[in-house]
């Protein structure tokens, strides 16, 4: 029997992995902000938030690119 939608399982798994990765990036970004607050109050929190936001955006760009490549059947 021929599968009517080849790769559907893989694309579904890629969606789950992408969601888990994005949740981890959010936790890391907030964790860096909390660590910054613990180390240096407002200045530390500001620096931690900026570093966390940059890490989040870089991760989002990379993960979004890889996720898109799994969804188009390439």
C-alpha atoms as a PDB file:
ATOM      1  CA  UNK A   1       0.000   0.000   0.000  1.00  0.00           C
ATOM      2  CA  UNK A   2       1.302   3.436  -0.942  1.00  0.00           C
ATOM      3  CA  UNK A   3       1.325   6.156   1.717  1.00  0.00           C
ATOM      4  CA  UNK A   4      -0.958   8.977   0.569  1.00  0.00           C
ATOM      5  CA  UNK A   5       1.083  11.601   2.411  1.00  0.00           C
ATOM      6  CA  UNK A   6       4.732  10.562   2.637  1.00  0.00           C
ATOM      7  CA  UNK A   7       6.664  12.410   5.301  1.00  0.00           C
ATOM      8  CA  UNK A   8       3.626  13.423   7.356  1.00  0.00           C
ATOM      9  CA  UNK A   9       4.988  11.676  10.455  1.00  0.00           C
ATOM     10  CA  UNK A  10       8.353  13.381  10.057  1.00  0.00           C
ATOM     11  CA  UNK A  11       6.736  16.806   9.670  1.00  0.00           C
ATOM     12  CA  UNK A  12       4.606  16.197  12.762  1.00  0.00           C
ATOM     13  CA  UNK A  13       7.698  15.241  14.754  1.00  0.00           C
ATOM     14  CA  UNK A  14       9.536  18.325  13.482  1.00  0.00           C
ATOM     15  CA  UNK A  15       6.658  20.480  14.730  1.00  0.00           C
ATOM     16  CA  UNK A  16       6.955  18.981  18.215  1.00  0.00           C
ATOM     17  CA  UNK A  17      10.737  19.430  18.282  1.00  0.00           C
ATOM     18  CA  UNK A  18      10.367  23.059  17.149  1.00  0.00           C
ATOM     19  CA  UNK A  19       7.837  23.767  19.919  1.00  0.00           C
ATOM     20  CA  UNK A  20      10.076  22.205  22.572  1.00  0.00           C
ATOM     21  CA  UNK A  21      13.108  24.143  21.321  1.00  0.00           C
ATOM     22  CA  UNK A  22      11.224  27.451  21.356  1.00  0.00           C
ATOM     23  CA  UNK A  23       9.961  26.792  24.891  1.00  0.00           C
ATOM     24  CA  UNK A  24      13.535  26.082  25.975  1.00  0.00           C
ATOM     25  CA  UNK A  25      14.712  29.360  24.428  1.00  0.00           C
ATOM     26  CA  UNK A  26      12.038  31.287  26.327  1.00  0.00           C
ATOM     27  CA  UNK A  27      13.071  29.628  29.600  1.00  0.00           C
ATOM     28  CA  UNK A  28      16.737  30.423  28.917  1.00  0.00           C
ATOM     29  CA  UNK A  29      15.942  34.067  28.096  1.00  0.00           C
ATOM     30  CA  UNK A  30      13.968  34.525  31.321  1.00  0.00           C
ATOM     31  CA  UNK A  31      16.651  32.624  33.222  1.00  0.00           C
ATOM     32  CA  UNK A  32      19.337  34.998  31.984  1.00  0.00           C
ATOM     33  CA  UNK A  33      17.227  37.957  33.075  1.00  0.00           C
ATOM     34  CA  UNK A  34      16.714  36.427  36.524  1.00  0.00           C
ATOM     35  CA  UNK A  35      20.421  35.638  36.807  1.00  0.00           C
ATOM     36  CA  UNK A  36      21.240  39.210  35.822  1.00  0.00           C
ATOM     37  CA  UNK A  37      18.857  40.522  38.480  1.00  0.00           C
ATOM     38  CA  UNK A  38      20.473  38.278  41.078  1.00  0.00           C
ATOM     39  CA  UNK A  39      23.979  39.452  40.115  1.00  0.00           C
ATOM     40  CA  UNK A  40      23.391  43.162  39.619  1.00  0.00           C
ATOM     41  CA  UNK A  41      19.782  44.203  40.254  1.00  0.00           C
ATOM     42  CA  UNK A  42      18.451  46.558  37.543  1.00  0.00           C
ATOM     43  CA  UNK A  43      21.617  46.850  35.459  1.00  0.00           C
ATOM     44  CA  UNK A  44      22.175  43.121  35.608  1.00  0.00           C
ATOM     45  CA  UNK A  45      18.555  42.430  34.696  1.00  0.00           C
ATOM     46  CA  UNK A  46      18.782  44.835  31.754  1.00  0.00           C
ATOM     47  CA  UNK A  47      21.966  43.222  30.455  1.00  0.00           C
ATOM     48  CA  UNK A  48      20.546  39.740  31.024  1.00  0.00           C
ATOM     49  CA  UNK A  49      17.348  40.685  29.195  1.00  0.00           C
ATOM     50  CA  UNK A  50      19.269  42.028  26.195  1.00  0.00           C
ATOM     51  CA  UNK A  51      21.517  38.964  26.018  1.00  0.00           C
ATOM     52  CA  UNK A  52      18.498  36.690  26.462  1.00  0.00           C
ATOM     53  CA  UNK A  53      16.562  38.504  23.739  1.00  0.00           C
ATOM     54  CA  UNK A  54      19.487  38.285  21.316  1.00  0.00           C
ATOM     55  CA  UNK A  55      19.914  34.585  22.051  1.00  0.00           C
ATOM     56  CA  UNK A  56      16.180  34.047  21.594  1.00  0.00           C
ATOM     57  CA  UNK A  57      16.139  35.867  18.243  1.00  0.00           C
ATOM     58  CA  UNK A  58      19.203  33.991  16.975  1.00  0.00           C
ATOM     59  CA  UNK A  59      17.671  30.683  18.040  1.00  0.00           C
ATOM     60  CA  UNK A  60      14.351  31.632  16.478  1.00  0.00           C
ATOM     61  CA  UNK A  61      16.022  32.461  13.169  1.00  0.00           C
ATOM     62  CA  UNK A  62      17.954  29.196  13.064  1.00  0.00           C
ATOM     63  CA  UNK A  63      15.109  27.023  14.282  1.00  0.00           C
ATOM     64  CA  UNK A  64      12.626  28.717  11.967  1.00  0.00           C
ATOM     65  CA  UNK A  65      14.884  28.087   8.998  1.00  0.00           C
ATOM     66  CA  UNK A  66      15.361  24.419   9.878  1.00  0.00           C
ATOM     67  CA  UNK A  67      11.654  23.991  10.613  1.00  0.00           C
ATOM     68  CA  UNK A  68      10.708  25.515   7.258  1.00  0.00           C
ATOM     69  CA  UNK A  69      13.063  23.123   5.483  1.00  0.00           C
ATOM     70  CA  UNK A  70      11.275  20.158   7.078  1.00  0.00           C
ATOM     71  CA  UNK A  71       7.816  21.377   6.089  1.00  0.00           C
ATOM     72  CA  UNK A  72       8.220  21.919   2.357  1.00  0.00           C
ATOM     73  CA  UNK A  73       9.115  18.346   1.515  1.00  0.00           C
ATOM     74  CA  UNK A  74      12.701  19.194   0.570  1.00  0.00           C
END
